[in-house]
PDB file of N, CA and C in Angstrom:
ATOM      1  N   MET A   1      61.011 137.621 193.828  1.00  0.00           N
ATOM      2  CA  MET A   1      59.646 137.590 193.331  1.00  0.00           C
ATOM      3  C   MET A   1      59.180 136.154 193.182  1.00  0.00           C
ATOM      4  N   SER A   2      57.985 135.909 193.592  1.00  0.00           N
ATOM      5  CA  SER A   2      57.424 134.574 193.430  1.00  0.00           C
ATOM      6  C   SER A   2      56.430 134.591 192.268  1.00  0.00           C
ATOM      7  N   ALA A   3      56.239 133.422 191.686  1.00  0.00           N
ATOM      8  CA  ALA A   3      55.309 133.299 190.562  1.00  0.00           C
ATOM      9  C   ALA A   3      53.883 133.457 191.068  1.00  0.00           C
ATOM     10  N   PRO A   4      53.010 134.049 190.257  1.00  0.00           N
ATOM     11  CA  PRO A   4      51.619 134.201 190.709  1.00  0.00           C
ATOM     12  C   PRO A   4      50.952 132.835 190.878  1.00  0.00           C
ATOM     13  N   ALA A   5      50.130 132.721 191.898  1.00  0.00           N
ATOM     14  CA  ALA A   5      49.449 131.458 192.187  1.00  0.00           C
ATOM     15  C   ALA A   5      48.374 131.194 191.127  1.00  0.00           C
ATOM     16  N   LEU A   6      48.257 129.946 190.747  1.00  0.00           N
ATOM     17  CA  LEU A   6      47.219 129.565 189.793  1.00  0.00           C
ATOM     18  C   LEU A   6      45.876 129.508 190.511  1.00  0.00           C
ATOM     19  N   ARG A   7      44.885 130.025 189.856  1.00  0.00           N
ATOM     20  CA  ARG A   7      43.549 129.988 190.443  1.00  0.00           C
ATOM     21  C   ARG A   7      42.956 128.617 190.202  1.00  0.00           C
ATOM     22  N   PRO A   8      42.376 128.008 191.226  1.00  0.00           N
ATOM     23  CA  PRO A   8      41.804 126.665 191.074  1.00  0.00           C
ATOM     24  C   PRO A   8      40.704 126.605 190.017  1.00  0.00           C
ATOM     25  N   ARG A   9      39.913 127.653 189.897  1.00  0.00           N
ATOM     26  CA  ARG A   9      38.837 127.654 188.903  1.00  0.00           C
ATOM     27  C   ARG A   9      39.411 127.659 187.487  1.00  0.00           C
ATOM     28  N   ALA A  10      40.463 128.414 187.250  1.00  0.00           N
ATOM     29  CA  ALA A  10      41.085 128.469 185.929  1.00  0.00           C
ATOM     30  C   ALA A  10      41.708 127.124 185.573  1.00  0.00           C
ATOM     31  N   VAL A  11      42.322 126.475 186.536  1.00  0.00           N
ATOM     32  CA  VAL A  11      42.912 125.154 186.299  1.00  0.00           C
ATOM     33  C   VAL A  11      41.816 124.145 185.978  1.00  0.00           C
ATOM     34  N   ALA A  12      40.731 124.178 186.727  1.00  0.00           N
ATOM     35  CA  ALA A  12      39.628 123.246 186.496  1.00  0.00           C
ATOM     36  C   ALA A  12      39.007 123.471 185.117  1.00  0.00           C
ATOM     37  N   LEU A  13      38.818 124.715 184.712  1.00  0.00           N
ATOM     38  CA  LEU A  13      38.264 125.012 183.393  1.00  0.00           C
ATOM     39  C   LEU A  13      39.216 124.566 182.278  1.00  0.00           C
ATOM     40  N   ALA A  14      40.506 124.754 182.483  1.00  0.00           N
ATOM     41  CA  ALA A  14      41.484 124.330 181.482  1.00  0.00           C
ATOM     42  C   ALA A  14      41.487 122.811 181.346  1.00  0.00           C
ATOM     43  N   LEU A  15      41.420 122.096 182.455  1.00  0.00           N
ATOM     44  CA  LEU A  15      41.376 120.633 182.403  1.00  0.00           C
ATOM     45  C   LEU A  15      40.089 120.137 181.759  1.00  0.00           C
ATOM     46  N   ALA A  16      38.973 120.769 182.067  1.00  0.00           N
ATOM     47  CA  ALA A  16      37.698 120.374 181.465  1.00  0.00           C
ATOM     48  C   ALA A  16      37.717 120.644 179.961  1.00  0.00           C
ATOM     49  N   GLY A  17      38.262 121.769 179.557  1.00  0.00           N
ATOM     50  CA  GLY A  17      38.369 122.088 178.136  1.00  0.00           C
ATOM     51  C   GLY A  17      39.267 121.096 177.406  1.00  0.00           C
ATOM     52  N   ALA A  18      40.382 120.725 178.040  1.00  0.00           N
ATOM     53  CA  ALA A  18      41.284 119.742 177.431  1.00  0.00           C
ATOM     54  C   ALA A  18      40.600 118.382 177.304  1.00  0.00           C
ATOM     55  N   ALA A  19      39.824 117.987 178.290  1.00  0.00           N
ATOM     56  CA  ALA A  19      39.118 116.702 178.237  1.00  0.00           C
ATOM     57  C   ALA A  19      38.073 116.705 177.124  1.00  0.00           C
ATOM     58  N   VAL A  20      37.335 117.790 176.985  1.00  0.00           N
ATOM     59  CA  VAL A  20      36.328 117.891 175.921  1.00  0.00           C
ATOM     60  C   VAL A  20      37.000 117.867 174.556  1.00  0.00           C
ATOM     61  N   ALA A  21      38.108 118.583 174.411  1.00  0.00           N
ATOM     62  CA  ALA A  21      38.834 118.595 173.140  1.00  0.00           C
ATOM     63  C   ALA A  21      39.344 117.199 172.794  1.00  0.00           C
ATOM     64  N   LEU A  22      39.854 116.481 173.778  1.00  0.00           N
ATOM     65  CA  LEU A  22      40.344 115.122 173.551  1.00  0.00           C
ATOM     66  C   LEU A  22      39.211 114.199 173.097  1.00  0.00           C
ATOM     67  N   LEU A  23      38.055 114.306 173.715  1.00  0.00           N
ATOM     68  CA  LEU A  23      36.905 113.487 173.315  1.00  0.00           C
ATOM     69  C   LEU A  23      36.449 113.817 171.894  1.00  0.00           C
ATOM     70  N   LEU A  24      36.421 115.092 171.548  1.00  0.00           N
ATOM     71  CA  LEU A  24      36.019 115.488 170.199  1.00  0.00           C
ATOM     72  C   LEU A  24      37.000 114.967 169.152  1.00  0.00           C
ATOM     73  N   ILE A  25      38.287 115.065 169.439  1.00  0.00           N
ATOM     74  CA  ILE A  25      39.299 114.581 168.498  1.00  0.00           C
ATOM     75  C   ILE A  25      39.204 113.070 168.347  1.00  0.00           C
ATOM     76  N   ALA A  26      39.022 112.344 169.450  1.00  0.00           N
ATOM     77  CA  ALA A  26      38.918 110.887 169.386  1.00  0.00           C
ATOM     78  C   ALA A  26      37.689 110.463 168.594  1.00  0.00           C
ATOM     79  N   ASN A  27      36.559 111.114 168.803  1.00  0.00           N
ATOM     80  CA  ASN A  27      35.348 110.775 168.059  1.00  0.00           C
ATOM     81  C   ASN A  27      35.483 111.120 166.581  1.00  0.00           C
ATOM     82  N   ALA A  28      36.127 112.231 166.271  1.00  0.00           N
ATOM     83  CA  ALA A  28      36.346 112.590 164.872  1.00  0.00           C
ATOM     84  C   ALA A  28      37.227 111.541 164.194  1.00  0.00           C
ATOM     85  N   HIS A  29      38.214 111.042 164.904  1.00  0.00           N
ATOM     86  CA  HIS A  29      39.082 109.999 164.340  1.00  0.00           C
ATOM     87  C   HIS A  29      38.290 108.714 164.084  1.00  0.00           C
ATOM     88  N   LEU A  30      37.428 108.332 165.008  1.00  0.00           N
ATOM     89  CA  LEU A  30      36.614 107.127 164.818  1.00  0.00           C
ATOM     90  C   LEU A  30      35.686 107.267 163.616  1.00  0.00           C
ATOM     91  N   VAL A  31      35.085 108.432 163.449  1.00  0.00           N
ATOM     92  CA  VAL A  31      34.213 108.659 162.294  1.00  0.00           C
ATOM     93  C   VAL A  31      35.027 108.598 161.013  1.00  0.00           C
ATOM     94  N   TYR A  32      36.208 109.201 161.007  1.00  0.00           N
ATOM     95  CA  TYR A  32      37.080 109.184 159.828  1.00  0.00           C
ATOM     96  C   TYR A  32      37.444 107.753 159.444  1.00  0.00           C
ATOM     97  N   VAL A  33      37.857 106.949 160.405  1.00  0.00           N
ATOM     98  CA  VAL A  33      38.244 105.561 160.129  1.00  0.00           C
ATOM     99  C   VAL A  33      37.044 104.761 159.634  1.00  0.00           C
ATOM    100  N   ALA A  34      35.875 104.988 160.198  1.00  0.00           N
ATOM    101  CA  ALA A  34      34.685 104.251 159.769  1.00  0.00           C
ATOM    102  C   ALA A  34      34.296 104.605 158.339  1.00  0.00           C
ATOM    103  N   VAL A  35      34.466 105.849 157.941  1.00  0.00           N
ATOM    104  CA  VAL A  35      34.087 106.281 156.599  1.00  0.00           C
ATOM    105  C   VAL A  35      35.110 105.851 155.560  1.00  0.00           C
ATOM    106  N   VAL A  36      36.395 105.906 155.902  1.00  0.00           N
ATOM    107  CA  VAL A  36      37.456 105.653 154.932  1.00  0.00           C
ATOM    108  C   VAL A  36      37.727 104.164 154.732  1.00  0.00           C
ATOM    109  N   SER A  37      37.593 103.362 155.773  1.00  0.00           N
ATOM    110  CA  SER A  37      37.971 101.950 155.668  1.00  0.00           C
ATOM    111  C   SER A  37      36.961 101.170 154.836  1.00  0.00           C
ATOM    112  N   GLN A  38      37.469 100.261 154.046  1.00  0.00           N
ATOM    113  CA  GLN A  38      36.648  99.372 153.238  1.00  0.00           C
ATOM    114  C   GLN A  38      37.098  97.950 153.531  1.00  0.00           C
ATOM    115  N   PRO A  39      36.374  97.221 154.364  1.00  0.00           N
ATOM    116  CA  PRO A  39      36.796  95.871 154.703  1.00  0.00           C
ATOM    117  C   PRO A  39      36.735  94.950 153.487  1.00  0.00           C
ATOM    118  N   GLU A  40      37.675  94.029 153.443  1.00  0.00           N
ATOM    119  CA  GLU A  40      37.713  93.037 152.369  1.00  0.00           C
ATOM    120  C   GLU A  40      36.587  92.033 152.573  1.00  0.00           C
ATOM    121  N   CYS A  41      36.215  91.379 151.496  1.00  0.00           N
ATOM    122  CA  CYS A  41      35.244  90.302 151.612  1.00  0.00           C
ATOM    123  C   CYS A  41      35.896  89.120 152.327  1.00  0.00           C
ATOM    124  N   VAL A  42      35.169  88.531 153.219  1.00  0.00           N
ATOM    125  CA  VAL A  42      35.681  87.366 153.929  1.00  0.00           C
ATOM    126  C   VAL A  42      34.945  86.131 153.421  1.00  0.00           C
ATOM    127  N   PRO A  43      35.622  84.992 153.414  1.00  0.00           N
ATOM    128  CA  PRO A  43      34.939  83.780 152.954  1.00  0.00           C
ATOM    129  C   PRO A  43      33.785  83.419 153.884  1.00  0.00           C
ATOM    130  N   HIS A  44      32.648  83.106 153.306  1.00  0.00           N
ATOM    131  CA  HIS A  44      31.491  82.690 154.088  1.00  0.00           C
ATOM    132  C   HIS A  44      30.635  81.783 153.213  1.00  0.00           C
ATOM    133  N   LEU A  45      29.714  81.117 153.849  1.00  0.00           N
ATOM    134  CA  LEU A  45      28.823  80.213 153.125  1.00  0.00           C
ATOM    135  C   LEU A  45      27.879  81.018 152.250  1.00  0.00           C
ATOM    136  N   LYS A  46      27.656  80.549 151.051  1.00  0.00           N
ATOM    137  CA  LYS A  46      26.730  81.223 150.143  1.00  0.00           C
ATOM    138  C   LYS A  46      25.335  80.592 150.211  1.00  0.00           C
ATOM    139  N   THR A  47      25.257  79.379 150.743  1.00  0.00           N
ATOM    140  CA  THR A  47      23.971  78.697 150.846  1.00  0.00           C
ATOM    141  C   THR A  47      23.621  78.517 152.315  1.00  0.00           C
ATOM    142  N   GLU A  48      22.380  78.244 152.570  1.00  0.00           N
ATOM    143  CA  GLU A  48      21.917  78.060 153.936  1.00  0.00           C
ATOM    144  C   GLU A  48      22.465  76.756 154.508  1.00  0.00           C
ATOM    145  N   ALA A  49      23.031  76.819 155.688  1.00  0.00           N
ATOM    146  CA  ALA A  49      23.552  75.625 156.355  1.00  0.00           C
ATOM    147  C   ALA A  49      23.165  75.695 157.828  1.00  0.00           C
ATOM    148  N   HIS A  50      22.816  74.570 158.369  1.00  0.00           N
ATOM    149  CA  HIS A  50      22.358  74.538 159.753  1.00  0.00           C
ATOM    150  C   HIS A  50      23.335  73.798 160.664  1.00  0.00           C
ATOM    151  N   ALA A  51      24.534  73.516 160.193  1.00  0.00           N
ATOM    152  CA  ALA A  51      25.524  72.836 161.019  1.00  0.00           C
ATOM    153  C   ALA A  51      26.132  73.828 162.015  1.00  0.00           C
ATOM    154  N   ALA A  52      26.519  73.329 163.170  1.00  0.00           N
ATOM    155  CA  ALA A  52      27.115  74.182 164.193  1.00  0.00           C
ATOM    156  C   ALA A  52      28.448  74.740 163.697  1.00  0.00           C
ATOM    157  N   GLY A  53      28.665  76.024 163.912  1.00  0.00           N
ATOM    158  CA  GLY A  53      29.920  76.653 163.528  1.00  0.00           C
ATOM    159  C   GLY A  53      29.962  77.143 162.091  1.00  0.00           C
ATOM    160  N   ASN A  54      28.894  76.952 161.336  1.00  0.00           N
ATOM    161  CA  ASN A  54      28.831  77.450 159.961  1.00  0.00           C
ATOM    162  C   ASN A  54      27.918  78.665 159.931  1.00  0.00           C
ATOM    163  N   PHE A  55      28.448  79.755 159.397  1.00  0.00           N
ATOM    164  CA  PHE A  55      27.687  80.991 159.352  1.00  0.00           C
ATOM    165  C   PHE A  55      27.666  81.526 157.926  1.00  0.00           C
ATOM    166  N   ARG A  56      26.663  82.301 157.623  1.00  0.00           N
ATOM    167  CA  ARG A  56      26.620  82.947 156.321  1.00  0.00           C
ATOM    168  C   ARG A  56      26.217  84.401 156.530  1.00  0.00           C
ATOM    169  N   ALA A  57      26.533  85.222 155.564  1.00  0.00           N
ATOM    170  CA  ALA A  57      26.225  86.638 155.667  1.00  0.00           C
ATOM    171  C   ALA A  57      24.724  86.847 155.524  1.00  0.00           C
ATOM    172  N   ALA A  58      24.211  87.804 156.275  1.00  0.00           N
ATOM    173  CA  ALA A  58      22.791  88.136 156.160  1.00  0.00           C
ATOM    174  C   ALA A  58      22.509  88.745 154.794  1.00  0.00           C
ATOM    175  N   ARG A  59      23.429  89.583 154.316  1.00  0.00           N
ATOM    176  CA  ARG A  59      23.299  90.184 152.983  1.00  0.00           C
ATOM    177  C   ARG A  59      24.717  90.319 152.435  1.00  0.00           C
ATOM    178  N   SER A  60      25.051  89.529 151.470  1.00  0.00           N
ATOM    179  CA  SER A  60      26.399  89.509 150.931  1.00  0.00           C
ATOM    180  C   SER A  60      26.593  90.628 149.926  1.00  0.00           C
ATOM    181  N   SER A  61      27.724  91.318 150.032  1.00  0.00           N
ATOM    182  CA  SER A  61      28.042  92.369 149.065  1.00  0.00           C
ATOM    183  C   SER A  61      29.168  91.923 148.130  1.00  0.00           C
ATOM    184  N   CYS A  62      29.577  90.690 148.221  1.00  0.00           N
ATOM    185  CA  CYS A  62      30.682  90.190 147.408  1.00  0.00           C
ATOM    186  C   CYS A  62      30.136  89.508 146.149  1.00  0.00           C
TER     187      CYS A  62
END
C-alpha cells in the first residue's frame, strides 16, 4: 500500500495558514513588548544647546 498523495491545494492552504499564524504571533509579541517595556531615562541636556552633537529631549519625562 502506498500513502495517499497530498493535494497541492491542501498543502498551499496549510502553508498560507501557517504564514498568517506566524505573522499574527510575531505582531502580538511586538505589541506585548511595546506595552510592557519601560525604558530608563537616559542622560540628555536639560537646557537648549546649539553645539554640534548635543541633543536634548523634545519632552522630558524624567
